């Protein structure tokens, strides 16, 4: 069974995750604002295509940031319920170094590498490329 986080480490991760959440929320706040303003609509097809491309990119960024926000919120929840730092696959402790680098990690490095190997095989159609 994995060791419990000390209160000091728990608070440190909570502060780190909360800070990161604030940064992500601040960064996404202005994305796509004003990009659909009717005054920006140009009769020129190239300008319209460029604007549509920018809007599409902004929405993709916002979507990715939304995923990160949910991961951070989940990590904060795991801190509260005492499951933070425990691999969801094998139940072992996730290394301190991994959590420092990626505090939203839900898998230990060994299980993550296994998952990546399976994904690569699946992407290559099982050919082992």
N, C-alpha and C. Protein backbone atom coordinates (compact mmCIF):
# COMPACT_ATOMS: atom_id res chain seq x y z
N UNK A 1 0.85 -1.19 0.00
CA UNK A 1 0.00 0.00 0.00
C UNK A 1 0.89 1.25 0.00
N UNK A 2 0.56 2.23 -0.83
CA UNK A 2 1.36 3.45 -0.92
C UNK A 2 1.32 4.24 0.39
N UNK A 3 2.39 4.96 0.63
CA UNK A 3 2.47 5.82 1.81
C UNK A 3 1.56 7.03 1.62
N UNK A 4 1.03 7.52 2.71
CA UNK A 4 0.18 8.71 2.65
C UNK A 4 1.04 9.95 2.48
N UNK A 5 0.51 10.93 1.79
CA UNK A 5 1.22 12.21 1.64
C UNK A 5 1.22 12.94 2.97
N UNK A 6 2.33 13.58 3.28
CA UNK A 6 2.35 14.41 4.48
C UNK A 6 1.47 15.63 4.22
N UNK A 7 1.01 16.25 5.28
CA UNK A 7 0.18 17.46 5.13
C UNK A 7 0.94 18.54 4.38
N UNK A 8 2.25 18.61 4.63
CA UNK A 8 3.07 19.62 3.97
C UNK A 8 3.10 19.39 2.45
N UNK A 9 3.31 18.13 2.04
CA UNK A 9 3.33 17.81 0.61
C UNK A 9 1.95 18.01 -0.01
N UNK A 10 0.93 17.62 0.73
CA UNK A 10 -0.44 17.78 0.25
C UNK A 10 -0.73 19.26 -0.04
N UNK A 11 -0.35 20.13 0.90
CA UNK A 11 -0.55 21.57 0.71
C UNK A 11 0.28 22.11 -0.44
N UNK A 12 1.49 21.58 -0.59
CA UNK A 12 2.37 22.00 -1.69
C UNK A 12 1.75 21.66 -3.04
N UNK A 13 1.23 20.44 -3.17
CA UNK A 13 0.58 20.04 -4.43
C UNK A 13 -0.71 20.83 -4.65
N UNK A 14 -1.44 21.07 -3.59
CA UNK A 14 -2.68 21.84 -3.71
C UNK A 14 -2.37 23.25 -4.22
N UNK A 15 -1.32 23.86 -3.68
CA UNK A 15 -0.92 25.20 -4.10
C UNK A 15 -0.47 25.18 -5.57
N UNK A 16 0.35 24.18 -5.92
CA UNK A 16 0.85 24.05 -7.30
C UNK A 16 -0.31 23.86 -8.29
N UNK A 17 -1.23 22.97 -7.96
CA UNK A 17 -2.37 22.71 -8.85
C UNK A 17 -3.30 23.92 -8.94
N UNK A 18 -3.55 24.56 -7.83
CA UNK A 18 -4.41 25.74 -7.84
C UNK A 18 -3.80 26.88 -8.66
N UNK A 19 -2.49 27.04 -8.52
CA UNK A 19 -1.79 28.07 -9.30
C UNK A 19 -1.89 27.75 -10.79
N UNK A 20 -1.66 26.50 -11.15
CA UNK A 20 -1.74 26.08 -12.56
C UNK A 20 -3.15 26.27 -13.09
N UNK A 21 -4.15 25.95 -12.29
CA UNK A 21 -5.54 26.14 -12.69
C UNK A 21 -5.81 27.61 -12.98
N UNK A 22 -5.34 28.48 -12.11
CA UNK A 22 -5.50 29.92 -12.32
C UNK A 22 -4.83 30.39 -13.60
N UNK A 23 -3.64 29.87 -13.87
CA UNK A 23 -2.92 30.24 -15.09
C UNK A 23 -3.68 29.80 -16.34
N UNK A 24 -4.18 28.58 -16.33
CA UNK A 24 -4.91 28.05 -17.49
C UNK A 24 -6.19 28.84 -17.70
N UNK A 25 -6.90 29.11 -16.63
CA UNK A 25 -8.15 29.88 -16.75
C UNK A 25 -7.87 31.28 -17.28
N UNK A 26 -6.82 31.91 -16.80
CA UNK A 26 -6.48 33.26 -17.27
C UNK A 26 -6.08 33.23 -18.74
N UNK A 27 -5.34 32.20 -19.14
CA UNK A 27 -4.87 32.11 -20.53
C UNK A 27 -6.02 31.87 -21.50
N UNK A 28 -7.04 31.16 -21.07
CA UNK A 28 -8.14 30.84 -21.97
C UNK A 28 -9.25 31.89 -21.96
N UNK A 29 -9.18 32.79 -21.01
CA UNK A 29 -10.25 33.78 -20.85
C UNK A 29 -10.52 34.58 -22.12
N UNK A 30 -9.46 35.03 -22.79
CA UNK A 30 -9.64 35.88 -23.95
C UNK A 30 -9.66 35.17 -25.29
N UNK A 31 -9.47 33.85 -25.29
CA UNK A 31 -9.43 33.13 -26.56
C UNK A 31 -10.77 33.22 -27.27
N UNK A 32 -10.71 33.58 -28.51
CA UNK A 32 -11.87 33.65 -29.41
C UNK A 32 -12.81 34.81 -29.11
N UNK A 33 -12.49 35.63 -28.11
CA UNK A 33 -13.35 36.78 -27.82
C UNK A 33 -13.22 37.77 -28.97
N UNK A 34 -14.34 38.16 -29.50
CA UNK A 34 -14.34 39.14 -30.57
C UNK A 34 -14.03 38.59 -31.95
N UNK A 35 -13.67 37.35 -32.05
CA UNK A 35 -13.31 36.81 -33.36
C UNK A 35 -14.53 36.57 -34.25
N UNK A 36 -15.69 36.60 -33.67
CA UNK A 36 -16.90 36.40 -34.46
C UNK A 36 -17.71 37.69 -34.59
N UNK A 37 -17.07 38.80 -34.32
CA UNK A 37 -17.70 40.10 -34.44
C UNK A 37 -18.11 40.32 -35.90
N UNK A 38 -19.38 40.61 -36.15
CA UNK A 38 -19.85 40.80 -37.53
C UNK A 38 -19.09 41.89 -38.28
N UNK A 39 -18.53 42.86 -37.56
CA UNK A 39 -17.77 43.92 -38.23
C UNK A 39 -16.49 43.37 -38.84
N UNK A 40 -16.03 42.20 -38.35
CA UNK A 40 -14.81 41.59 -38.88
C UNK A 40 -15.09 40.76 -40.14
N UNK A 41 -16.34 40.62 -40.50
CA UNK A 41 -16.69 39.82 -41.67
C UNK A 41 -16.29 40.57 -42.93
N UNK A 42 -15.44 39.97 -43.67
CA UNK A 42 -14.94 40.58 -44.89
C UNK A 42 -15.60 39.92 -46.09
N UNK A 43 -15.72 40.70 -47.15
CA UNK A 43 -16.25 40.14 -48.40
C UNK A 43 -15.18 39.32 -49.11
N UNK A 44 -13.95 39.55 -48.75
CA UNK A 44 -12.84 38.85 -49.38
C UNK A 44 -12.78 37.40 -48.89
N UNK A 45 -12.86 36.43 -49.80
CA UNK A 45 -12.85 35.01 -49.40
C UNK A 45 -11.58 34.60 -48.65
N UNK A 46 -10.46 35.19 -49.01
CA UNK A 46 -9.19 34.84 -48.34
C UNK A 46 -9.21 35.35 -46.90
N UNK A 47 -9.70 36.55 -46.68
CA UNK A 47 -9.81 37.09 -45.32
C UNK A 47 -10.78 36.25 -44.48
N UNK A 48 -11.91 35.88 -45.07
CA UNK A 48 -12.89 35.05 -44.36
C UNK A 48 -12.29 33.70 -43.99
N UNK A 49 -11.56 33.10 -44.94
CA UNK A 49 -10.93 31.79 -44.68
C UNK A 49 -9.90 31.92 -43.56
N UNK A 50 -9.15 33.00 -43.57
CA UNK A 50 -8.16 33.22 -42.52
C UNK A 50 -8.83 33.37 -41.15
N UNK A 51 -9.91 34.15 -41.12
CA UNK A 51 -10.64 34.35 -39.87
C UNK A 51 -11.23 33.04 -39.37
N UNK A 52 -11.81 32.27 -40.28
CA UNK A 52 -12.39 30.97 -39.89
C UNK A 52 -11.32 30.02 -39.37
N UNK A 53 -10.15 30.08 -39.98
CA UNK A 53 -9.03 29.25 -39.52
C UNK A 53 -8.60 29.66 -38.12
N UNK A 54 -8.53 30.95 -37.87
CA UNK A 54 -8.16 31.45 -36.54
C UNK A 54 -9.19 31.03 -35.49
N UNK A 55 -10.46 31.12 -35.85
CA UNK A 55 -11.53 30.73 -34.93
C UNK A 55 -11.44 29.24 -34.62
N UNK A 56 -11.23 28.45 -35.65
CA UNK A 56 -11.11 27.00 -35.48
C UNK A 56 -9.94 26.66 -34.55
N UNK A 57 -8.81 27.31 -34.78
CA UNK A 57 -7.64 27.08 -33.94
C UNK A 57 -7.93 27.48 -32.49
N UNK A 58 -8.58 28.62 -32.30
CA UNK A 58 -8.89 29.09 -30.95
C UNK A 58 -9.80 28.10 -30.22
N UNK A 59 -10.76 27.55 -30.93
CA UNK A 59 -11.66 26.58 -30.30
C UNK A 59 -10.93 25.29 -29.95
N UNK A 60 -9.99 24.86 -30.79
CA UNK A 60 -9.20 23.66 -30.47
C UNK A 60 -8.35 23.89 -29.23
N UNK A 61 -7.75 25.08 -29.13
CA UNK A 61 -6.94 25.42 -27.96
C UNK A 61 -7.84 25.42 -26.72
N UNK A 62 -8.99 26.04 -26.82
CA UNK A 62 -9.93 26.12 -25.71
C UNK A 62 -10.37 24.72 -25.27
N UNK A 63 -10.60 23.85 -26.23
CA UNK A 63 -10.99 22.47 -25.93
C UNK A 63 -9.88 21.74 -25.17
N UNK A 64 -8.64 21.88 -25.64
CA UNK A 64 -7.50 21.24 -24.97
C UNK A 64 -7.32 21.80 -23.56
N UNK A 65 -7.48 23.10 -23.41
CA UNK A 65 -7.35 23.71 -22.10
C UNK A 65 -8.47 23.21 -21.18
N UNK A 66 -9.65 22.98 -21.74
CA UNK A 66 -10.76 22.45 -20.95
C UNK A 66 -10.43 21.07 -20.39
N UNK A 67 -9.77 20.25 -21.20
CA UNK A 67 -9.34 18.92 -20.74
C UNK A 67 -8.36 19.08 -19.59
N UNK A 68 -7.40 20.00 -19.73
CA UNK A 68 -6.41 20.22 -18.68
C UNK A 68 -7.08 20.73 -17.40
N UNK A 69 -8.04 21.61 -17.54
CA UNK A 69 -8.77 22.13 -16.38
C UNK A 69 -9.44 20.98 -15.63
N UNK A 70 -10.09 20.08 -16.36
CA UNK A 70 -10.76 18.93 -15.73
C UNK A 70 -9.74 18.02 -15.03
N UNK A 71 -8.55 17.84 -15.64
CA UNK A 71 -7.51 17.02 -15.01
C UNK A 71 -7.03 17.66 -13.71
N UNK A 72 -6.85 18.96 -13.73
CA UNK A 72 -6.40 19.67 -12.52
C UNK A 72 -7.46 19.57 -11.43
N UNK A 73 -8.72 19.79 -11.81
CA UNK A 73 -9.80 19.69 -10.83
C UNK A 73 -9.88 18.28 -10.25
N UNK A 74 -9.66 17.27 -11.08
CA UNK A 74 -9.68 15.88 -10.62
C UNK A 74 -8.52 15.63 -9.65
N UNK A 75 -7.34 16.16 -9.96
CA UNK A 75 -6.18 16.00 -9.08
C UNK A 75 -6.45 16.66 -7.73
N UNK A 76 -7.05 17.84 -7.74
CA UNK A 76 -7.40 18.52 -6.49
C UNK A 76 -8.40 17.69 -5.68
N UNK A 77 -9.34 17.09 -6.37
CA UNK A 77 -10.32 16.22 -5.71
C UNK A 77 -9.64 15.00 -5.09
N UNK A 78 -8.67 14.43 -5.83
CA UNK A 78 -7.93 13.27 -5.32
C UNK A 78 -7.10 13.64 -4.09
N UNK A 79 -6.61 14.87 -4.05
CA UNK A 79 -5.90 15.34 -2.86
C UNK A 79 -6.82 15.32 -1.65
N UNK A 80 -8.04 15.75 -1.88
CA UNK A 80 -9.03 15.81 -0.79
C UNK A 80 -9.45 14.43 -0.31
N UNK A 81 -9.62 13.49 -1.25
CA UNK A 81 -10.10 12.16 -0.83
C UNK A 81 -8.98 11.18 -0.50
N UNK A 82 -7.73 11.64 -0.60
CA UNK A 82 -6.60 10.82 -0.18
C UNK A 82 -6.08 9.84 -1.22
N UNK A 83 -6.51 9.97 -2.48
CA UNK A 83 -6.05 9.05 -3.52
C UNK A 83 -5.02 9.68 -4.46
N UNK A 84 -4.64 10.93 -4.19
CA UNK A 84 -3.64 11.60 -5.02
C UNK A 84 -2.31 10.88 -4.90
N UNK A 85 -1.66 10.66 -6.04
CA UNK A 85 -0.34 10.03 -6.04
C UNK A 85 -0.38 8.52 -6.06
N UNK A 86 -1.57 7.96 -6.23
CA UNK A 86 -1.72 6.52 -6.31
C UNK A 86 -2.09 6.15 -7.74
N UNK A 87 -1.34 5.24 -8.33
CA UNK A 87 -1.58 4.82 -9.71
C UNK A 87 -2.96 4.17 -9.82
N UNK A 88 -3.75 4.63 -10.79
CA UNK A 88 -5.08 4.08 -10.99
C UNK A 88 -5.06 2.69 -11.62
N UNK A 89 -3.93 2.30 -12.17
CA UNK A 89 -3.82 0.99 -12.81
C UNK A 89 -3.37 -0.09 -11.83
N UNK A 90 -2.23 0.15 -11.18
CA UNK A 90 -1.64 -0.89 -10.33
C UNK A 90 -1.80 -0.63 -8.83
N UNK A 91 -2.21 0.59 -8.46
CA UNK A 91 -2.40 0.91 -7.05
C UNK A 91 -1.13 1.26 -6.30
N UNK A 92 -0.01 1.31 -7.01
CA UNK A 92 1.26 1.67 -6.38
C UNK A 92 1.41 3.19 -6.34
N UNK A 93 2.37 3.62 -5.57
CA UNK A 93 2.64 5.05 -5.44
C UNK A 93 3.28 5.60 -6.72
N UNK A 94 2.83 6.76 -7.16
CA UNK A 94 3.44 7.46 -8.29
C UNK A 94 4.64 8.21 -7.72
N UNK A 95 5.78 8.12 -8.41
CA UNK A 95 7.01 8.71 -7.87
C UNK A 95 6.88 10.22 -7.68
N UNK A 96 7.60 10.69 -6.69
CA UNK A 96 7.62 12.12 -6.37
C UNK A 96 8.07 12.94 -7.58
N UNK A 97 9.09 12.45 -8.29
CA UNK A 97 9.60 13.16 -9.46
C UNK A 97 8.54 13.29 -10.55
N UNK A 98 7.78 12.24 -10.77
CA UNK A 98 6.71 12.28 -11.78
C UNK A 98 5.62 13.26 -11.36
N UNK A 99 5.26 13.23 -10.09
CA UNK A 99 4.22 14.15 -9.62
C UNK A 99 4.68 15.60 -9.68
N UNK A 100 5.96 15.82 -9.42
CA UNK A 100 6.49 17.19 -9.50
C UNK A 100 6.43 17.68 -10.95
N UNK A 101 6.79 16.80 -11.88
CA UNK A 101 6.80 17.17 -13.30
C UNK A 101 5.40 17.26 -13.87
N UNK A 102 4.53 16.37 -13.41
CA UNK A 102 3.17 16.29 -13.95
C UNK A 102 2.19 15.97 -12.82
N UNK A 103 1.80 16.99 -12.05
CA UNK A 103 0.95 16.73 -10.88
C UNK A 103 -0.44 16.19 -11.21
N UNK A 104 -0.83 16.21 -12.48
CA UNK A 104 -2.12 15.64 -12.85
C UNK A 104 -2.01 14.16 -13.24
N UNK A 105 -0.81 13.60 -13.11
CA UNK A 105 -0.59 12.20 -13.48
C UNK A 105 -1.49 11.27 -12.66
N UNK A 106 -2.06 10.29 -13.33
CA UNK A 106 -2.90 9.30 -12.65
C UNK A 106 -2.31 7.90 -12.73
N UNK A 107 -1.22 7.78 -13.49
CA UNK A 107 -0.55 6.49 -13.63
C UNK A 107 0.92 6.62 -13.26
N UNK A 108 1.48 5.56 -12.67
CA UNK A 108 2.91 5.54 -12.41
C UNK A 108 3.62 5.43 -13.77
N UNK A 109 4.90 5.67 -13.78
CA UNK A 109 5.63 5.69 -15.05
C UNK A 109 5.58 4.32 -15.74
N UNK A 110 5.65 3.25 -14.98
CA UNK A 110 5.63 1.91 -15.54
C UNK A 110 4.30 1.63 -16.25
N UNK A 111 3.19 1.98 -15.61
CA UNK A 111 1.87 1.77 -16.23
C UNK A 111 1.66 2.71 -17.40
N UNK A 112 2.16 3.93 -17.31
CA UNK A 112 2.03 4.89 -18.42
C UNK A 112 2.80 4.41 -19.64
N UNK A 113 4.01 3.88 -19.42
CA UNK A 113 4.79 3.35 -20.54
C UNK A 113 4.09 2.17 -21.18
N UNK A 114 3.49 1.32 -20.36
CA UNK A 114 2.73 0.18 -20.88
C UNK A 114 1.57 0.67 -21.74
N UNK A 115 0.87 1.69 -21.25
CA UNK A 115 -0.26 2.27 -21.98
C UNK A 115 0.19 2.85 -23.32
N UNK A 116 1.33 3.55 -23.32
CA UNK A 116 1.86 4.14 -24.56
C UNK A 116 2.25 3.06 -25.56
N UNK A 117 2.81 1.97 -25.09
CA UNK A 117 3.18 0.86 -25.97
C UNK A 117 1.94 0.28 -26.64
N UNK A 118 0.89 0.08 -25.86
CA UNK A 118 -0.36 -0.44 -26.41
C UNK A 118 -0.93 0.53 -27.44
N UNK A 119 -0.88 1.84 -27.15
CA UNK A 119 -1.38 2.85 -28.09
C UNK A 119 -0.60 2.83 -29.39
N UNK A 120 0.72 2.69 -29.31
CA UNK A 120 1.56 2.66 -30.51
C UNK A 120 1.23 1.44 -31.36
N UNK A 121 1.03 0.30 -30.71
CA UNK A 121 0.69 -0.93 -31.45
C UNK A 121 -0.67 -0.74 -32.11
N UNK A 122 -1.61 -0.17 -31.40
CA UNK A 122 -2.95 0.06 -31.95
C UNK A 122 -2.89 1.01 -33.15
N UNK A 123 -2.10 2.09 -33.02
CA UNK A 123 -1.97 3.07 -34.11
C UNK A 123 -1.30 2.49 -35.33
N UNK A 124 -0.38 1.54 -35.13
CA UNK A 124 0.31 0.95 -36.28
C UNK A 124 -0.47 -0.22 -36.85
N UNK A 125 -1.64 -0.45 -36.34
CA UNK A 125 -2.48 -1.53 -36.84
C UNK A 125 -1.99 -2.90 -36.40
N UNK A 126 -1.25 -2.93 -35.28
CA UNK A 126 -0.77 -4.19 -34.75
C UNK A 126 0.41 -4.77 -35.51
N UNK A 127 1.01 -3.97 -36.38
CA UNK A 127 2.12 -4.49 -37.19
C UNK A 127 3.44 -4.43 -36.44
N UNK A 128 3.47 -3.76 -35.29
CA UNK A 128 4.72 -3.67 -34.53
C UNK A 128 5.68 -2.67 -35.12
N UNK A 129 5.19 -1.71 -35.93
CA UNK A 129 6.05 -0.70 -36.56
C UNK A 129 6.61 0.25 -35.53
